[in-house]
Amino acid sequence: MEDLKEKGIKIYNAIFQGEKDVEIDEIQYPIKKFSSGIKYVDLFGYRFIEQNYRKKSEWGKKAREGHKIMWIIKGRRYLVQIIDGEYTELKRKSA
């Protein structure tokens, strides 16, 4: 998707500012929640998802410490991490 960074940052800001929805290309998309309370947005086959602070992982720990972390996923692949507003594309590990 073009403008993945721009859309990602916009969704990230909306999620962490407690918005109910986010406007992308003049269309309102709802910010949904899993039963766990973790927020996410599905858009064009991508999932923009807040880090679950309950996870025992390093990222879960960072979220518990107050870092604002969101991932952009397509299928089962993690493509992007946004942590404290900093956008990082994840490199695919070479076999």
PDB file of N, CA and C in Angstrom:
ATOM      1  N   MET A   1       0.855  -1.183   0.000  1.00  0.00           N
ATOM      2  CA  MET A   1       0.000   0.000   0.000  1.00  0.00           C
ATOM      3  C   MET A   1       0.894   1.237   0.000  1.00  0.00           C
ATOM      4  N   GLU A   2       0.582   2.165  -0.863  1.00  0.00           N
ATOM      5  CA  GLU A   2       1.370   3.390  -0.840  1.00  0.00           C
ATOM      6  C   GLU A   2       0.965   4.204   0.371  1.00  0.00           C
ATOM      7  N   ASP A   3       1.846   5.058   0.808  1.00  0.00           N
ATOM      8  CA  ASP A   3       1.595   5.879   1.991  1.00  0.00           C
ATOM      9  C   ASP A   3       1.374   5.043   3.245  1.00  0.00           C
ATOM     10  N   LEU A   4       1.973   3.861   3.316  1.00  0.00           N
ATOM     11  CA  LEU A   4       1.801   3.015   4.497  1.00  0.00           C
ATOM     12  C   LEU A   4       2.292   3.763   5.740  1.00  0.00           C
ATOM     13  N   LYS A   5       3.388   4.483   5.575  1.00  0.00           N
ATOM     14  CA  LYS A   5       3.938   5.221   6.719  1.00  0.00           C
ATOM     15  C   LYS A   5       2.961   6.297   7.176  1.00  0.00           C
ATOM     16  N   GLU A   6       2.480   7.087   6.232  1.00  0.00           N
ATOM     17  CA  GLU A   6       1.559   8.180   6.557  1.00  0.00           C
ATOM     18  C   GLU A   6       0.292   7.641   7.234  1.00  0.00           C
ATOM     19  N   LYS A   7      -0.273   6.572   6.666  1.00  0.00           N
ATOM     20  CA  LYS A   7      -1.494   5.985   7.227  1.00  0.00           C
ATOM     21  C   LYS A   7      -1.194   5.344   8.583  1.00  0.00           C
ATOM     22  N   GLY A   8      -0.047   4.688   8.674  1.00  0.00           N
ATOM     23  CA  GLY A   8       0.352   4.045   9.926  1.00  0.00           C
ATOM     24  C   GLY A   8       0.466   5.035  11.065  1.00  0.00           C
ATOM     25  N   ILE A   9       1.125   6.161  10.812  1.00  0.00           N
ATOM     26  CA  ILE A   9       1.306   7.188  11.846  1.00  0.00           C
ATOM     27  C   ILE A   9      -0.044   7.779  12.238  1.00  0.00           C
ATOM     28  N   LYS A  10      -0.903   7.972  11.241  1.00  0.00           N
ATOM     29  CA  LYS A  10      -2.234   8.538  11.513  1.00  0.00           C
ATOM     30  C   LYS A  10      -3.048   7.594  12.416  1.00  0.00           C
ATOM     31  N   ILE A  11      -3.007   6.298  12.104  1.00  0.00           N
ATOM     32  CA  ILE A  11      -3.736   5.307  12.896  1.00  0.00           C
ATOM     33  C   ILE A  11      -3.109   5.184  14.288  1.00  0.00           C
ATOM     34  N   TYR A  12      -1.789   5.173  14.325  1.00  0.00           N
ATOM     35  CA  TYR A  12      -1.065   5.117  15.606  1.00  0.00           C
ATOM     36  C   TYR A  12      -1.523   6.260  16.520  1.00  0.00           C
ATOM     37  N   ASN A  13      -1.530   7.472  15.971  1.00  0.00           N
ATOM     38  CA  ASN A  13      -1.928   8.636  16.769  1.00  0.00           C
ATOM     39  C   ASN A  13      -3.365   8.508  17.245  1.00  0.00           C
ATOM     40  N   ALA A  14      -4.260   8.056  16.370  1.00  0.00           N
ATOM     41  CA  ALA A  14      -5.677   7.919  16.730  1.00  0.00           C
ATOM     42  C   ALA A  14      -5.847   6.883  17.845  1.00  0.00           C
ATOM     43  N   ILE A  15      -5.164   5.744  17.723  1.00  0.00           N
ATOM     44  CA  ILE A  15      -5.268   4.692  18.745  1.00  0.00           C
ATOM     45  C   ILE A  15      -4.796   5.209  20.094  1.00  0.00           C
ATOM     46  N   PHE A  16      -3.629   5.853  20.116  1.00  0.00           N
ATOM     47  CA  PHE A  16      -3.059   6.258  21.394  1.00  0.00           C
ATOM     48  C   PHE A  16      -3.659   7.553  21.946  1.00  0.00           C
ATOM     49  N   GLN A  17      -4.438   8.258  21.116  1.00  0.00           N
ATOM     50  CA  GLN A  17      -5.148   9.436  21.626  1.00  0.00           C
ATOM     51  C   GLN A  17      -6.570   9.069  22.049  1.00  0.00           C
ATOM     52  N   GLY A  18      -6.899   7.768  21.967  1.00  0.00           N
ATOM     53  CA  GLY A  18      -8.191   7.300  22.438  1.00  0.00           C
ATOM     54  C   GLY A  18      -9.363   7.619  21.515  1.00  0.00           C
ATOM     55  N   GLU A  19      -9.061   7.832  20.232  1.00  0.00           N
ATOM     56  CA  GLU A  19     -10.137   8.114  19.265  1.00  0.00           C
ATOM     57  C   GLU A  19     -10.991   6.871  19.044  1.00  0.00           C
ATOM     58  N   LYS A  20     -12.213   7.077  18.567  1.00  0.00           N
ATOM     59  CA  LYS A  20     -13.129   5.962  18.269  1.00  0.00           C
ATOM     60  C   LYS A  20     -12.969   5.488  16.822  1.00  0.00           C
ATOM     61  N   ASP A  21     -12.516   6.400  15.966  1.00  0.00           N
ATOM     62  CA  ASP A  21     -12.274   6.033  14.576  1.00  0.00           C
ATOM     63  C   ASP A  21     -11.168   6.918  14.017  1.00  0.00           C
ATOM     64  N   VAL A  22     -10.766   6.598  12.790  1.00  0.00           N
ATOM     65  CA  VAL A  22      -9.675   7.340  12.155  1.00  0.00           C
ATOM     66  C   VAL A  22     -10.082   7.606  10.711  1.00  0.00           C
ATOM     67  N   GLU A  23      -9.781   8.810  10.245  1.00  0.00           N
ATOM     68  CA  GLU A  23     -10.141   9.169   8.868  1.00  0.00           C
ATOM     69  C   GLU A  23      -8.945   8.948   7.950  1.00  0.00           C
ATOM     70  N   ILE A  24      -9.157   8.089   6.941  1.00  0.00           N
ATOM     71  CA  ILE A  24      -8.123   7.814   5.937  1.00  0.00           C
ATOM     72  C   ILE A  24      -8.758   8.075   4.578  1.00  0.00           C
ATOM     73  N   ASP A  25      -8.155   8.940   3.782  1.00  0.00           N
ATOM     74  CA  ASP A  25      -8.688   9.268   2.455  1.00  0.00           C
ATOM     75  C   ASP A  25     -10.176   9.631   2.531  1.00  0.00           C
ATOM     76  N   GLU A  26     -10.509  10.461   3.498  1.00  0.00           N
ATOM     77  CA  GLU A  26     -11.875  10.985   3.687  1.00  0.00           C
ATOM     78  C   GLU A  26     -12.910   9.923   4.044  1.00  0.00           C
ATOM     79  N   ILE A  27     -12.449   8.759   4.512  1.00  0.00           N
ATOM     80  CA  ILE A  27     -13.364   7.703   4.959  1.00  0.00           C
ATOM     81  C   ILE A  27     -13.052   7.416   6.426  1.00  0.00           C
ATOM     82  N   GLN A  28     -14.092   7.275   7.230  1.00  0.00           N
ATOM     83  CA  GLN A  28     -13.913   6.965   8.650  1.00  0.00           C
ATOM     84  C   GLN A  28     -13.806   5.449   8.830  1.00  0.00           C
ATOM     85  N   TYR A  29     -12.753   5.007   9.472  1.00  0.00           N
ATOM     86  CA  TYR A  29     -12.575   3.587   9.799  1.00  0.00           C
ATOM     87  C   TYR A  29     -12.659   3.442  11.309  1.00  0.00           C
ATOM     88  N   PRO A  30     -13.457   2.465  11.788  1.00  0.00           N
ATOM     89  CA  PRO A  30     -13.568   2.297  13.245  1.00  0.00           C
ATOM     90  C   PRO A  30     -12.285   1.726  13.835  1.00  0.00           C
ATOM     91  N   ILE A  31     -11.962   2.180  15.043  1.00  0.00           N
ATOM     92  CA  ILE A  31     -10.889   1.553  15.813  1.00  0.00           C
ATOM     93  C   ILE A  31     -11.580   0.488  16.652  1.00  0.00           C
ATOM     94  N   LYS A  32     -11.279  -0.766  16.333  1.00  0.00           N
ATOM     95  CA  LYS A  32     -11.947  -1.891  16.998  1.00  0.00           C
ATOM     96  C   LYS A  32     -11.117  -2.351  18.186  1.00  0.00           C
ATOM     97  N   LYS A  33     -11.745  -3.171  19.021  1.00  0.00           N
ATOM     98  CA  LYS A  33     -11.038  -3.725  20.188  1.00  0.00           C
ATOM     99  C   LYS A  33     -11.295  -5.219  20.253  1.00  0.00           C
ATOM    100  N   PHE A  34     -10.247  -5.970  20.576  1.00  0.00           N
ATOM    101  CA  PHE A  34     -10.411  -7.381  20.906  1.00  0.00           C
ATOM    102  C   PHE A  34     -11.006  -7.460  22.308  1.00  0.00           C
ATOM    103  N   SER A  35     -11.445  -8.639  22.701  1.00  0.00           N
ATOM    104  CA  SER A  35     -11.993  -8.815  24.059  1.00  0.00           C
ATOM    105  C   SER A  35     -10.943  -8.449  25.105  1.00  0.00           C
ATOM    106  N   SER A  36      -9.682  -8.553  24.754  1.00  0.00           N
ATOM    107  CA  SER A  36      -8.581  -8.197  25.672  1.00  0.00           C
ATOM    108  C   SER A  36      -8.458  -6.685  25.857  1.00  0.00           C
ATOM    109  N   GLY A  37      -9.165  -5.922  25.005  1.00  0.00           N
ATOM    110  CA  GLY A  37      -9.052  -4.464  25.075  1.00  0.00           C
ATOM    111  C   GLY A  37      -8.002  -3.904  24.136  1.00  0.00           C
ATOM    112  N   ILE A  38      -7.259  -4.779  23.484  1.00  0.00           N
ATOM    113  CA  ILE A  38      -6.225  -4.335  22.543  1.00  0.00           C
ATOM    114  C   ILE A  38      -6.894  -3.746  21.304  1.00  0.00           C
ATOM    115  N   LYS A  39      -6.452  -2.553  20.913  1.00  0.00           N
ATOM    116  CA  LYS A  39      -7.077  -1.837  19.800  1.00  0.00           C
ATOM    117  C   LYS A  39      -6.398  -2.180  18.478  1.00  0.00           C
ATOM    118  N   TYR A  40      -7.211  -2.158  17.415  1.00  0.00           N
ATOM    119  CA  TYR A  40      -6.661  -2.414  16.084  1.00  0.00           C
ATOM    120  C   TYR A  40      -7.558  -1.809  15.020  1.00  0.00           C
ATOM    121  N   VAL A  41      -6.982  -1.636  13.822  1.00  0.00           N
ATOM    122  CA  VAL A  41      -7.719  -1.179  12.644  1.00  0.00           C
ATOM    123  C   VAL A  41      -7.339  -2.099  11.500  1.00  0.00           C
ATOM    124  N   ASP A  42      -8.351  -2.578  10.769  1.00  0.00           N
ATOM    125  CA  ASP A  42      -8.097  -3.353   9.553  1.00  0.00           C
ATOM    126  C   ASP A  42      -8.305  -2.434   8.362  1.00  0.00           C
ATOM    127  N   LEU A  43      -7.310  -2.403   7.474  1.00  0.00           N
ATOM    128  CA  LEU A  43      -7.351  -1.465   6.353  1.00  0.00           C
ATOM    129  C   LEU A  43      -6.602  -2.061   5.172  1.00  0.00           C
ATOM    130  N   PHE A  44      -7.295  -2.251   4.059  1.00  0.00           N
ATOM    131  CA  PHE A  44      -6.674  -2.714   2.807  1.00  0.00           C
ATOM    132  C   PHE A  44      -5.834  -3.982   2.987  1.00  0.00           C
ATOM    133  N   GLY A  45      -6.314  -4.903   3.800  1.00  0.00           N
ATOM    134  CA  GLY A  45      -5.579  -6.158   3.993  1.00  0.00           C
ATOM    135  C   GLY A  45      -4.469  -6.079   5.026  1.00  0.00           C
ATOM    136  N   TYR A  46      -4.281  -4.913   5.603  1.00  0.00           N
ATOM    137  CA  TYR A  46      -3.283  -4.738   6.664  1.00  0.00           C
ATOM    138  C   TYR A  46      -4.009  -4.658   7.998  1.00  0.00           C
ATOM    139  N   ARG A  47      -3.332  -5.061   9.048  1.00  0.00           N
ATOM    140  CA  ARG A  47      -3.863  -4.868  10.399  1.00  0.00           C
ATOM    141  C   ARG A  47      -2.871  -3.984  11.148  1.00  0.00           C
ATOM    142  N   PHE A  48      -3.403  -2.918  11.721  1.00  0.00           N
ATOM    143  CA  PHE A  48      -2.625  -1.983  12.524  1.00  0.00           C
ATOM    144  C   PHE A  48      -3.021  -2.293  13.960  1.00  0.00           C
ATOM    145  N   ILE A  49      -2.097  -2.809  14.749  1.00  0.00           N
ATOM    146  CA  ILE A  49      -2.484  -3.349  16.057  1.00  0.00           C
ATOM    147  C   ILE A  49      -1.571  -2.869  17.177  1.00  0.00           C
ATOM    148  N   GLU A  50      -2.213  -2.457  18.258  1.00  0.00           N
ATOM    149  CA  GLU A  50      -1.515  -2.003  19.449  1.00  0.00           C
ATOM    150  C   GLU A  50      -0.790  -3.188  20.089  1.00  0.00           C
ATOM    151  N   GLN A  51       0.370  -2.931  20.672  1.00  0.00           N
ATOM    152  CA  GLN A  51       1.095  -3.988  21.402  1.00  0.00           C
ATOM    153  C   GLN A  51       0.287  -4.408  22.629  1.00  0.00           C
ATOM    154  N   ASN A  52       0.140  -5.715  22.807  1.00  0.00           N
ATOM    155  CA  ASN A  52      -0.534  -6.241  24.001  1.00  0.00           C
ATOM    156  C   ASN A  52       0.442  -6.167  25.170  1.00  0.00           C
ATOM    157  N   TYR A  53       0.130  -5.308  26.137  1.00  0.00           N
ATOM    158  CA  TYR A  53       1.038  -5.124  27.281  1.00  0.00           C
ATOM    159  C   TYR A  53       1.042  -6.333  28.203  1.00  0.00           C
ATOM    160  N   ARG A  54       0.097  -7.250  28.026  1.00  0.00           N
ATOM    161  CA  ARG A  54       0.067  -8.441  28.880  1.00  0.00           C
ATOM    162  C   ARG A  54       1.044  -9.520  28.413  1.00  0.00           C
ATOM    163  N   LYS A  55       1.542  -9.381  27.193  1.00  0.00           N
ATOM    164  CA  LYS A  55       2.474 -10.388  26.670  1.00  0.00           C
ATOM    165  C   LYS A  55       3.750 -10.404  27.509  1.00  0.00           C
ATOM    166  N   LYS A  56       4.344 -11.589  27.599  1.00  0.00           N
ATOM    167  CA  LYS A  56       5.561 -11.727  28.388  1.00  0.00           C
ATOM    168  C   LYS A  56       6.809 -11.321  27.601  1.00  0.00           C
ATOM    169  N   SER A  57       6.611 -10.891  26.357  1.00  0.00           N
ATOM    170  CA  SER A  57       7.732 -10.542  25.497  1.00  0.00           C
ATOM    171  C   SER A  57       8.383  -9.232  25.930  1.00  0.00           C
ATOM    172  N   GLU A  58       9.526  -8.969  25.316  1.00  0.00           N
ATOM    173  CA  GLU A  58      10.244  -7.703  25.509  1.00  0.00           C
ATOM    174  C   GLU A  58       9.321  -6.520  25.178  1.00  0.00           C
ATOM    175  N   TRP A  59       8.514  -6.669  24.112  1.00  0.00           N
ATOM    176  CA  TRP A  59       7.632  -5.564  23.681  1.00  0.00           C
ATOM    177  C   TRP A  59       6.476  -5.389  24.659  1.00  0.00           C
ATOM    178  N   GLY A  60       5.979  -6.495  25.206  1.00  0.00           N
ATOM    179  CA  GLY A  60       4.942  -6.410  26.227  1.00  0.00           C
ATOM    180  C   GLY A  60       5.449  -5.649  27.445  1.00  0.00           C
ATOM    181  N   LYS A  61       6.687  -5.945  27.811  1.00  0.00           N
ATOM    182  CA  LYS A  61       7.316  -5.271  28.956  1.00  0.00           C
ATOM    183  C   LYS A  61       7.449  -3.779  28.681  1.00  0.00           C
ATOM    184  N   LYS A  62       7.902  -3.439  27.474  1.00  0.00           N
ATOM    185  CA  LYS A  62       8.044  -2.021  27.113  1.00  0.00           C
ATOM    186  C   LYS A  62       6.692  -1.304  27.167  1.00  0.00           C
ATOM    187  N   ALA A  63       5.647  -1.995  26.680  1.00  0.00           N
ATOM    188  CA  ALA A  63       4.302  -1.398  26.712  1.00  0.00           C
ATOM    189  C   ALA A  63       3.862  -1.163  28.158  1.00  0.00           C
ATOM    190  N   ARG A  64       4.155  -2.121  29.043  1.00  0.00           N
ATOM    191  CA  ARG A  64       3.812  -1.953  30.464  1.00  0.00           C
ATOM    192  C   ARG A  64       4.563  -0.771  31.073  1.00  0.00           C
ATOM    193  N   GLU A  65       5.763  -0.516  30.561  1.00  0.00           N
ATOM    194  CA  GLU A  65       6.577   0.600  31.068  1.00  0.00           C
ATOM    195  C   GLU A  65       6.079   1.941  30.535  1.00  0.00           C
ATOM    196  N   GLY A  66       5.090   1.894  29.634  1.00  0.00           N
ATOM    197  CA  GLY A  66       4.509   3.145  29.143  1.00  0.00           C
ATOM    198  C   GLY A  66       4.874   3.508  27.715  1.00  0.00           C
ATOM    199  N   HIS A  67       5.671   2.660  27.045  1.00  0.00           N
ATOM    200  CA  HIS A  67       5.975   2.937  25.643  1.00  0.00           C
ATOM    201  C   HIS A  67       4.727   2.677  24.800  1.00  0.00           C
ATOM    202  N   LYS A  68       4.524   3.510  23.796  1.00  0.00           N
ATOM    203  CA  LYS A  68       3.375   3.355  22.903  1.00  0.00           C
ATOM    204  C   LYS A  68       3.851   2.611  21.662  1.00  0.00           C
ATOM    205  N   ILE A  69       3.387   1.366  21.508  1.00  0.00           N
ATOM    206  CA  ILE A  69       3.891   0.492  20.454  1.00  0.00           C
ATOM    207  C   ILE A  69       2.731   0.003  19.600  1.00  0.00           C
ATOM    208  N   MET A  70       2.894   0.098  18.284  1.00  0.00           N
ATOM    209  CA  MET A  70       1.914  -0.443  17.346  1.00  0.00           C
ATOM    210  C   MET A  70       2.658  -1.184  16.242  1.00  0.00           C
ATOM    211  N   TRP A  71       2.014  -2.236  15.730  1.00  0.00           N
ATOM    212  CA  TRP A  71       2.581  -3.043  14.655  1.00  0.00           C
ATOM    213  C   TRP A  71       1.688  -2.943  13.427  1.00  0.00           C
ATOM    214  N   ILE A  72       2.295  -3.037  12.260  1.00  0.00           N
ATOM    215  CA  ILE A  72       1.525  -3.167  11.018  1.00  0.00           C
ATOM    216  C   ILE A  72       1.830  -4.559  10.480  1.00  0.00           C
ATOM    217  N   ILE A  73       0.752  -5.334  10.330  1.00  0.00           N
ATOM    218  CA  ILE A  73       0.879  -6.738   9.948  1.00  0.00           C
ATOM    219  C   ILE A  73       0.099  -6.981   8.667  1.00  0.00           C
ATOM    220  N   LYS A  74       0.621  -7.865   7.822  1.00  0.00           N
ATOM    221  CA  LYS A  74      -0.141  -8.339   6.666  1.00  0.00           C
ATOM    222  C   LYS A  74      -0.061  -9.854   6.699  1.00  0.00           C
ATOM    223  N   GLY A  75      -1.212 -10.492   6.806  1.00  0.00           N
ATOM    224  CA  GLY A  75      -1.209 -11.942   6.994  1.00  0.00           C
ATOM    225  C   GLY A  75      -0.542 -12.243   8.320  1.00  0.00           C
ATOM    226  N   ARG A  76       0.511 -13.054   8.283  1.00  0.00           N
ATOM    227  CA  ARG A  76       1.230 -13.362   9.531  1.00  0.00           C
ATOM    228  C   ARG A  76       2.559 -12.603   9.603  1.00  0.00           C
ATOM    229  N   ARG A  77       2.785 -11.727   8.639  1.00  0.00           N
ATOM    230  CA  ARG A  77       4.068 -11.010   8.586  1.00  0.00           C
ATOM    231  C   ARG A  77       3.999  -9.651   9.268  1.00  0.00           C
ATOM    232  N   TYR A  78       4.918  -9.425  10.162  1.00  0.00           N
ATOM    233  CA  TYR A  78       5.061  -8.117  10.804  1.00  0.00           C
ATOM    234  C   TYR A  78       5.899  -7.256   9.866  1.00  0.00           C
ATOM    235  N   LEU A  79       5.320  -6.164   9.376  1.00  0.00           N
ATOM    236  CA  LEU A  79       6.008  -5.328   8.390  1.00  0.00           C
ATOM    237  C   LEU A  79       6.648  -4.091   9.007  1.00  0.00           C
ATOM    238  N   VAL A  80       5.941  -3.523   9.984  1.00  0.00           N
ATOM    239  CA  VAL A  80       6.369  -2.242  10.543  1.00  0.00           C
ATOM    240  C   VAL A  80       6.118  -2.224  12.040  1.00  0.00           C
ATOM    241  N   GLN A  81       7.013  -1.551  12.745  1.00  0.00           N
ATOM    242  CA  GLN A  81       6.806  -1.284  14.164  1.00  0.00           C
ATOM    243  C   GLN A  81       6.853   0.235  14.338  1.00  0.00           C
ATOM    244  N   ILE A  82       5.896   0.755  15.100  1.00  0.00           N
ATOM    245  CA  ILE A  82       5.955   2.168  15.477  1.00  0.00           C
ATOM    246  C   ILE A  82       6.031   2.187  16.996  1.00  0.00           C
ATOM    247  N   ILE A  83       7.130   2.729  17.506  1.00  0.00           N
ATOM    248  CA  ILE A  83       7.308   2.797  18.959  1.00  0.00           C
ATOM    249  C   ILE A  83       7.590   4.243  19.334  1.00  0.00           C
ATOM    250  N   ASP A  84       6.751   4.770  20.215  1.00  0.00           N
ATOM    251  CA  ASP A  84       6.860   6.163  20.661  1.00  0.00           C
ATOM    252  C   ASP A  84       6.943   7.114  19.462  1.00  0.00           C
ATOM    253  N   GLY A  85       6.143   6.813  18.435  1.00  0.00           N
ATOM    254  CA  GLY A  85       6.053   7.688  17.265  1.00  0.00           C
ATOM    255  C   GLY A  85       7.116   7.454  16.213  1.00  0.00           C
ATOM    256  N   GLU A  86       8.064   6.555  16.474  1.00  0.00           N
ATOM    257  CA  GLU A  86       9.144   6.295  15.520  1.00  0.00           C
ATOM    258  C   GLU A  86       8.804   5.096  14.644  1.00  0.00           C
ATOM    259  N   TYR A  87       8.760   5.339  13.336  1.00  0.00           N
ATOM    260  CA  TYR A  87       8.332   4.345  12.340  1.00  0.00           C
ATOM    261  C   TYR A  87       9.538   3.542  11.878  1.00  0.00           C
ATOM    262  N   THR A  88       9.475   2.219  12.011  1.00  0.00           N
ATOM    263  CA  THR A  88      10.590   1.356  11.589  1.00  0.00           C
ATOM    264  C   THR A  88      10.079   0.211  10.728  1.00  0.00           C
ATOM    265  N   GLU A  89      10.551   0.142   9.495  1.00  0.00           N
ATOM    266  CA  GLU A  89      10.196  -1.009   8.656  1.00  0.00           C
ATOM    267  C   GLU A  89      11.039  -2.181   9.095  1.00  0.00           C
ATOM    268  N   LEU A  90      10.385  -3.326   9.250  1.00  0.00           N
ATOM    269  CA  LEU A  90      11.075  -4.535   9.687  1.00  0.00           C
ATOM    270  C   LEU A  90      11.617  -5.259   8.469  1.00  0.00           C
ATOM    271  N   LYS A  91      12.878  -5.578   8.516  1.00  0.00           N
ATOM    272  CA  LYS A  91      13.499  -6.273   7.386  1.00  0.00           C
ATOM    273  C   LYS A  91      13.147  -7.748   7.467  1.00  0.00           C
ATOM    274  N   ARG A  92      12.858  -8.311   6.313  1.00  0.00           N
ATOM    275  CA  ARG A  92      12.577  -9.753   6.281  1.00  0.00           C
ATOM    276  C   ARG A  92      13.894 -10.478   6.543  1.00  0.00           C
ATOM    277  N   LYS A  93      13.839 -11.450   7.431  1.00  0.00           N
ATOM    278  CA  LYS A  93      15.059 -12.208   7.737  1.00  0.00           C
ATOM    279  C   LYS A  93      15.405 -13.088   6.549  1.00  0.00           C
ATOM    280  N   SER A  94      16.650 -13.031   6.113  1.00  0.00           N
ATOM    281  CA  SER A  94      17.054 -13.891   4.990  1.00  0.00           C
ATOM    282  C   SER A  94      17.394 -15.272   5.529  1.00  0.00           C
ATOM    283  N   ALA A  95      16.995 -16.264   4.795  1.00  0.00           N
ATOM    284  CA  ALA A  95      17.175 -17.653   5.256  1.00  0.00           C
ATOM    285  C   ALA A  95      18.625 -18.071   5.166  1.00  0.00           C
TER     286      ALA A  95
END
